[in-house]
C-alpha atoms as a PDB file:
ATOM      1  CA  MET A   1     -12.108   9.193  -7.277  1.00  0.00           C
ATOM      2  CA  ASN A   2     -11.016   5.851  -8.339  1.00  0.00           C
ATOM      3  CA  GLU A   3      -7.425   4.582  -7.692  1.00  0.00           C
ATOM      4  CA  GLN A   4      -6.385   5.284 -11.402  1.00  0.00           C
ATOM      5  CA  GLN A   5      -7.566   8.699 -11.296  1.00  0.00           C
ATOM      6  CA  ARG A   6      -5.930   9.526  -7.907  1.00  0.00           C
ATOM      7  CA  ILE A   7      -2.705   8.045  -9.444  1.00  0.00           C
ATOM      8  CA  GLU A   8      -2.966  10.281 -12.602  1.00  0.00           C
ATOM      9  CA  GLU A   9      -3.527  13.305 -10.185  1.00  0.00           C
ATOM     10  CA  LEU A  10      -0.599  12.299  -8.260  1.00  0.00           C
ATOM     11  CA  LYS A  11       1.441  12.059 -11.289  1.00  0.00           C
ATOM     12  CA  THR A  12       0.468  15.519 -12.515  1.00  0.00           C
ATOM     13  CA  GLY A  13       1.913  16.717  -8.819  1.00  0.00           C
ATOM     14  CA  ASN A  14      -1.592  17.838  -7.450  1.00  0.00           C
ATOM     15  CA  GLU A  15      -0.631  18.753  -3.982  1.00  0.00           C
ATOM     16  CA  ALA A  16      -3.985  18.456  -2.594  1.00  0.00           C
ATOM     17  CA  THR A  17      -4.367  14.832  -3.773  1.00  0.00           C
ATOM     18  CA  PHE A  18      -0.911  14.301  -2.196  1.00  0.00           C
ATOM     19  CA  ARG A  19      -2.183  15.600   1.089  1.00  0.00           C
ATOM     20  CA  VAL A  20      -5.003  13.300   1.203  1.00  0.00           C
ATOM     21  CA  LEU A  21      -2.930  10.110   0.480  1.00  0.00           C
ATOM     22  CA  VAL A  22      -0.401  11.101   3.115  1.00  0.00           C
ATOM     23  CA  GLU A  23      -3.362  11.571   5.774  1.00  0.00           C
ATOM     24  CA  GLU A  24      -4.827   8.258   4.449  1.00  0.00           C
ATOM     25  CA  PHE A  25      -1.699   6.286   4.988  1.00  0.00           C
ATOM     26  CA  GLN A  26       0.361   8.078   7.238  1.00  0.00           C
ATOM     27  CA  LYS A  27      -0.596   6.027  10.301  1.00  0.00           C
ATOM     28  CA  ARG A  28      -0.177   2.627   8.496  1.00  0.00           C
ATOM     29  CA  VAL A  29       3.276   3.648   7.292  1.00  0.00           C
ATOM     30  CA  TYR A  30       4.463   4.832  10.702  1.00  0.00           C
ATOM     31  CA  ASN A  31       3.083   1.649  12.382  1.00  0.00           C
ATOM     32  CA  THR A  32       5.045  -0.479   9.754  1.00  0.00           C
ATOM     33  CA  CYS A  33       8.203   1.726  10.183  1.00  0.00           C
ATOM     34  CA  ILE A  34       8.001   1.466  14.054  1.00  0.00           C
ATOM     35  CA  GLY A  35       7.227  -2.247  14.036  1.00  0.00           C
ATOM     36  CA  LEU A  36      10.470  -2.885  12.005  1.00  0.00           C
ATOM     37  CA  ILE A  37      12.644   0.080  13.291  1.00  0.00           C
ATOM     38  CA  GLN A  38      11.290   0.105  17.187  1.00  0.00           C
ATOM     39  CA  ASN A  39      12.641   3.743  17.763  1.00  0.00           C
ATOM     40  CA  MET A  40       9.847   6.591  17.437  1.00  0.00           C
ATOM     41  CA  GLU A  41      11.974   9.253  16.318  1.00  0.00           C
ATOM     42  CA  ASP A  42      13.749   7.251  13.743  1.00  0.00           C
ATOM     43  CA  ALA A  43      10.447   5.751  12.677  1.00  0.00           C
ATOM     44  CA  GLU A  44       8.977   9.431  12.086  1.00  0.00           C
ATOM     45  CA  ASP A  45      12.005  10.307  10.220  1.00  0.00           C
ATOM     46  CA  VAL A  46      11.606   7.003   8.049  1.00  0.00           C
ATOM     47  CA  THR A  47       7.869   7.803   7.251  1.00  0.00           C
ATOM     48  CA  GLN A  48       8.730  11.087   6.124  1.00  0.00           C
ATOM     49  CA  GLU A  49      11.400   9.604   3.879  1.00  0.00           C
ATOM     50  CA  VAL A  50       8.569   7.237   2.453  1.00  0.00           C
ATOM     51  CA  PHE A  51       6.212  10.163   1.609  1.00  0.00           C
ATOM     52  CA  ILE A  52       9.042  11.979  -0.117  1.00  0.00           C
ATOM     53  CA  SER A  53       9.980   8.831  -1.969  1.00  0.00           C
ATOM     54  CA  VAL A  54       6.277   8.431  -3.086  1.00  0.00           C
ATOM     55  CA  TYR A  55       6.046  12.061  -4.283  1.00  0.00           C
ATOM     56  CA  GLN A  56       9.408  12.031  -6.086  1.00  0.00           C
ATOM     57  CA  SER A  57       8.757   8.429  -7.958  1.00  0.00           C
ATOM     58  CA  ILE A  58       5.107   8.331  -8.165  1.00  0.00           C
ATOM     59  CA  HIS A  59       5.543   8.747 -12.057  1.00  0.00           C
ATOM     60  CA  GLN A  60       7.550   5.592 -12.050  1.00  0.00           C
ATOM     61  CA  PHE A  61       4.472   3.713 -10.610  1.00  0.00           C
ATOM     62  CA  LYS A  62       3.294   1.137 -13.295  1.00  0.00           C
ATOM     63  CA  GLY A  63       0.092   0.000 -11.596  1.00  0.00           C
ATOM     64  CA  ASP A  64       1.002  -3.718 -11.576  1.00  0.00           C
ATOM     65  CA  ALA A  65       0.206  -3.662  -7.622  1.00  0.00           C
ATOM     66  CA  LYS A  66      -2.309  -1.493  -5.818  1.00  0.00           C
ATOM     67  CA  LEU A  67      -1.232   1.732  -4.545  1.00  0.00           C
ATOM     68  CA  SER A  68      -1.093   0.750  -0.875  1.00  0.00           C
ATOM     69  CA  THR A  69       0.990  -2.186  -1.845  1.00  0.00           C
ATOM     70  CA  TRP A  70       3.482   0.040  -3.477  1.00  0.00           C
ATOM     71  CA  ILE A  71       3.543   2.310  -0.637  1.00  0.00           C
ATOM     72  CA  TYR A  72       3.723  -0.449   1.800  1.00  0.00           C
ATOM     73  CA  ARG A  73       6.810  -1.793  -0.008  1.00  0.00           C
ATOM     74  CA  ILE A  74       8.601   1.488  -0.087  1.00  0.00           C
ATOM     75  CA  ALA A  75       7.956   1.597   3.605  1.00  0.00           C
ATOM     76  CA  VAL A  76       9.457  -1.792   4.335  1.00  0.00           C
ATOM     77  CA  THR A  77      12.555  -1.038   1.859  1.00  0.00           C
ATOM     78  CA  LYS A  78      13.053   2.361   3.655  1.00  0.00           C
ATOM     79  CA  SER A  79      12.876   0.686   7.058  1.00  0.00           C
ATOM     80  CA  LEU A  80      15.169  -2.048   6.285  1.00  0.00           C
ATOM     81  CA  GLU A  81      17.789   0.301   4.486  1.00  0.00           C
ATOM     82  CA  PHE A  82      17.696   2.450   7.755  1.00  0.00           C
ATOM     83  CA  ILE A  83      18.190  -0.745  10.035  1.00  0.00           C
ATOM     84  CA  ARG A  84      21.147  -1.792   7.683  1.00  0.00           C
ATOM     85  CA  ALA A  85      22.742   1.838   7.955  1.00  0.00           C
ATOM     86  CA  LYS A  86      22.210   1.772  11.677  1.00  0.00           C
ATOM     87  CA  ASN A  87      23.765  -1.587  12.138  1.00  0.00           C
ATOM     88  CA  ARG A  88      26.783  -0.372  10.006  1.00  0.00           C
ATOM     89  CA  LYS A  89      27.256   2.605  12.192  1.00  0.00           C
ATOM     90  CA  LYS A  90      27.197   0.298  15.429  1.00  0.00           C
ATOM     91  CA  ARG A  91      29.818  -2.069  13.658  1.00  0.00           C
ATOM     92  CA  PHE A  92      31.856   0.967  13.079  1.00  0.00           C
ATOM     93  CA  ALA A  93      31.677   2.397  16.678  1.00  0.00           C
ATOM     94  CA  PHE A  94      32.510  -1.035  18.034  1.00  0.00           C
ATOM     95  CA  VAL A  95      35.703  -1.094  16.008  1.00  0.00           C
ATOM     96  CA  GLN A  96      36.465   2.575  17.070  1.00  0.00           C
ATOM     97  CA  SER A  97      36.072   1.391  20.669  1.00  0.00           C
ATOM     98  CA  LEU A  98      38.513  -1.343  20.318  1.00  0.00           C
ATOM     99  CA  PHE A  99      41.286   0.877  19.077  1.00  0.00           C
ATOM    100  CA  GLY A 100      40.620   3.469  21.725  1.00  0.00           C
ATOM    101  CA  ASN A 101      39.273   6.375  19.744  1.00  0.00           C
ATOM    102  CA  GLU A 102      37.880   8.988  22.170  1.00  0.00           C
ATOM    103  CA  GLY A 103      34.901  10.088  20.127  1.00  0.00           C
ATOM    104  CA  GLU A 104      32.447   7.632  21.396  1.00  0.00           C
ATOM    105  CA  ILE A 105      29.029   6.964  19.269  1.00  0.00           C
ATOM    106  CA  LYS A 106      26.314   6.625  21.657  1.00  0.00           C
ATOM    107  CA  ILE A 107      24.314   3.428  20.682  1.00  0.00           C
ATOM    108  CA  ASP A 108      20.476   3.182  21.404  1.00  0.00           C
ATOM    109  CA  PRO A 109      19.121   1.356  24.262  1.00  0.00           C
ATOM    110  CA  ALA A 110      17.603  -2.052  23.338  1.00  0.00           C
ATOM    111  CA  HIS A 111      14.305  -1.090  25.477  1.00  0.00           C
ATOM    112  CA  PHE A 112      11.442  -0.061  23.162  1.00  0.00           C
ATOM    113  CA  GLN A 113       8.156   1.115  24.252  1.00  0.00           C
ATOM    114  CA  HIS A 114       5.514   0.997  21.386  1.00  0.00           C
ATOM    115  CA  PRO A 115       3.234   4.353  21.883  1.00  0.00           C
ATOM    116  CA  GLY A 116       0.161   2.461  21.224  1.00  0.00           C
ATOM    117  CA  VAL A 117       0.497  -0.017  24.333  1.00  0.00           C
ATOM    118  CA  GLN A 118      -1.329   0.655  27.446  1.00  0.00           C
ATOM    119  CA  LEU A 119       0.619   1.383  30.465  1.00  0.00           C
ATOM    120  CA  GLU A 120      -0.211  -2.134  32.316  1.00  0.00           C
ATOM    121  CA  ASN A 121       1.234  -3.842  29.425  1.00  0.00           C
ATOM    122  CA  LYS A 122       4.483  -1.944  28.843  1.00  0.00           C
ATOM    123  CA  GLU A 123       6.696  -4.255  30.280  1.00  0.00           C
ATOM    124  CA  ARG A 124       5.391  -7.311  28.358  1.00  0.00           C
ATOM    125  CA  ALA A 125       5.163  -5.332  25.276  1.00  0.00           C
ATOM    126  CA  ALA A 126       8.998  -4.309  25.468  1.00  0.00           C
ATOM    127  CA  VAL A 127       9.967  -7.900  26.024  1.00  0.00           C
ATOM    128  CA  LEU A 128       7.596  -8.795  22.659  1.00  0.00           C
ATOM    129  CA  PHE A 129       9.021  -6.225  20.550  1.00  0.00           C
ATOM    130  CA  ALA A 130      12.725  -7.251  21.616  1.00  0.00           C
ATOM    131  CA  ALA A 131      11.894 -10.742  20.589  1.00  0.00           C
ATOM    132  CA  ILE A 132      10.462  -9.551  17.500  1.00  0.00           C
ATOM    133  CA  ASP A 133      13.700  -7.498  16.881  1.00  0.00           C
ATOM    134  CA  GLN A 134      15.684 -10.441  16.941  1.00  0.00           C
ATOM    135  CA  LEU A 135      13.804 -12.430  14.133  1.00  0.00           C
ATOM    136  CA  ALA A 136      15.469 -12.369  10.790  1.00  0.00           C
ATOM    137  CA  GLN A 137      14.587  -9.588   8.750  1.00  0.00           C
ATOM    138  CA  ASN A 138      12.373 -11.203   6.430  1.00  0.00           C
ATOM    139  CA  GLN A 139      10.365 -12.881   9.455  1.00  0.00           C
ATOM    140  CA  LYS A 140      10.163  -9.745  11.076  1.00  0.00           C
ATOM    141  CA  THR A 141       8.685  -7.952   8.058  1.00  0.00           C
ATOM    142  CA  ALA A 142       6.312 -10.601   7.450  1.00  0.00           C
ATOM    143  CA  PHE A 143       5.114 -10.774  11.362  1.00  0.00           C
ATOM    144  CA  VAL A 144       4.901  -6.870  11.563  1.00  0.00           C
ATOM    145  CA  LEU A 145       2.832  -6.549   8.417  1.00  0.00           C
ATOM    146  CA  HIS A 146       0.436  -9.187   9.735  1.00  0.00           C
ATOM    147  CA  LYS A 147       0.125  -8.843  13.105  1.00  0.00           C
ATOM    148  CA  LEU A 148       0.464  -4.855  13.352  1.00  0.00           C
ATOM    149  CA  GLU A 149      -0.584  -3.840  10.202  1.00  0.00           C
ATOM    150  CA  ASP A 150      -3.233  -6.719   9.629  1.00  0.00           C
ATOM    151  CA  LEU A 151      -2.290  -7.253   6.142  1.00  0.00           C
ATOM    152  CA  SER A 152      -3.612 -10.683   4.586  1.00  0.00           C
ATOM    153  CA  TYR A 153      -0.752 -13.361   3.432  1.00  0.00           C
ATOM    154  CA  ASN A 154      -1.548 -12.194  -0.341  1.00  0.00           C
ATOM    155  CA  GLU A 155      -0.830  -8.577   0.432  1.00  0.00           C
ATOM    156  CA  ILE A 156       2.252  -9.321   2.463  1.00  0.00           C
ATOM    157  CA  ALA A 157       3.366 -11.589  -0.534  1.00  0.00           C
ATOM    158  CA  GLU A 158       2.682  -8.640  -3.043  1.00  0.00           C
ATOM    159  CA  VAL A 159       4.666  -6.167  -0.511  1.00  0.00           C
ATOM    160  CA  MET A 160       7.562  -8.487  -0.146  1.00  0.00           C
ATOM    161  CA  ASN A 161       7.583  -9.774  -3.691  1.00  0.00           C
ATOM    162  CA  THR A 162       7.359 -13.277  -2.820  1.00  0.00           C
ATOM    163  CA  SER A 163       4.795 -16.020  -2.913  1.00  0.00           C
ATOM    164  CA  VAL A 164       1.988 -16.659  -0.552  1.00  0.00           C
ATOM    165  CA  SER A 165       3.397 -20.032   0.794  1.00  0.00           C
ATOM    166  CA  SER A 166       6.773 -18.254   1.525  1.00  0.00           C
ATOM    167  CA  VAL A 167       4.803 -15.851   3.494  1.00  0.00           C
ATOM    168  CA  GLU A 168       3.378 -18.618   5.431  1.00  0.00           C
ATOM    169  CA  SER A 169       6.397 -20.337   5.841  1.00  0.00           C
ATOM    170  CA  LEU A 170       8.184 -17.010   7.391  1.00  0.00           C
ATOM    171  CA  MET A 171       5.200 -16.656   9.659  1.00  0.00           C
ATOM    172  CA  PHE A 172       5.461 -20.216  10.856  1.00  0.00           C
ATOM    173  CA  ARG A 173       9.177 -19.674  11.669  1.00  0.00           C
ATOM    174  CA  ALA A 174       8.655 -16.301  13.097  1.00  0.00           C
ATOM    175  CA  LYS A 175       5.811 -17.871  15.282  1.00  0.00           C
ATOM    176  CA  GLN A 176       8.129 -20.661  16.429  1.00  0.00           C
ATOM    177  CA  ASN A 177      11.179 -18.457  17.004  1.00  0.00           C
ATOM    178  CA  LEU A 178       9.187 -16.099  19.197  1.00  0.00           C
ATOM    179  CA  GLN A 179       7.669 -19.158  21.251  1.00  0.00           C
ATOM    180  CA  LYS A 180      11.116 -20.220  21.800  1.00  0.00           C
ATOM    181  CA  LYS A 181      12.588 -16.679  22.918  1.00  0.00           C
ATOM    182  CA  LEU A 182       9.518 -15.678  24.771  1.00  0.00           C
ATOM    183  CA  GLY A 183       9.048 -19.075  26.644  1.00  0.00           C
ATOM    184  CA  ASN A 184      12.596 -18.956  27.662  1.00  0.00           C
ATOM    185  CA  TYR A 185      12.212 -15.420  29.263  1.00  0.00           C
ATOM    186  CA  TYR A 186       8.795 -16.337  31.152  1.00  0.00           C
ATOM    187  CA  GLU A 187      10.109 -19.378  32.192  1.00  0.00           C
ATOM    188  CA  LYS A 188      13.058 -17.337  33.885  1.00  0.00           C
ATOM    189  CA  ASN A 189      11.181 -14.429  34.960  1.00  0.00           C
ATOM    190  CA  GLU A 190       7.662 -15.205  35.627  1.00  0.00           C
ATOM    191  CA  LYS A 191       8.013 -17.756  38.536  1.00  0.00           C
END
């Protein structure tokens, strides 16, 4: 079945075709979400939201990009929306704590362990993911899509709805910022 036939099947609500789509893209969407969100449970929830959104809005898909690009775009958007909502909750919790509200909201710890990292590399991976998490959102998105999802700059440009030269610039700045952050860390901790 070619992509156009698959899209038509999805638009008619064919559950078997949707199930195959989920099986094909589930790991890629989850990896994108976890790379941006950096919490396994939250990434699982957002991954489910992505596929619910795909199912509910497939009839709006115009075919101006590949289906995979459209799914990545939804995954990035949902992940960034989740991060923004979580940051709003953290700011609200901070303000509450300033005024002595007894109902404390627990903020997730900063240490993140990616499930695909081998045990001996867990500490270094945690440092790397903490540094990635400090990047500007557009740099973080481009970096995660390129390095974790292995998308080309052209594909990233489509997902992020920007130019290839913008993606190149984002990657260049992301690498520079990571070199600074990681260089400072290893200078202090690896002596």
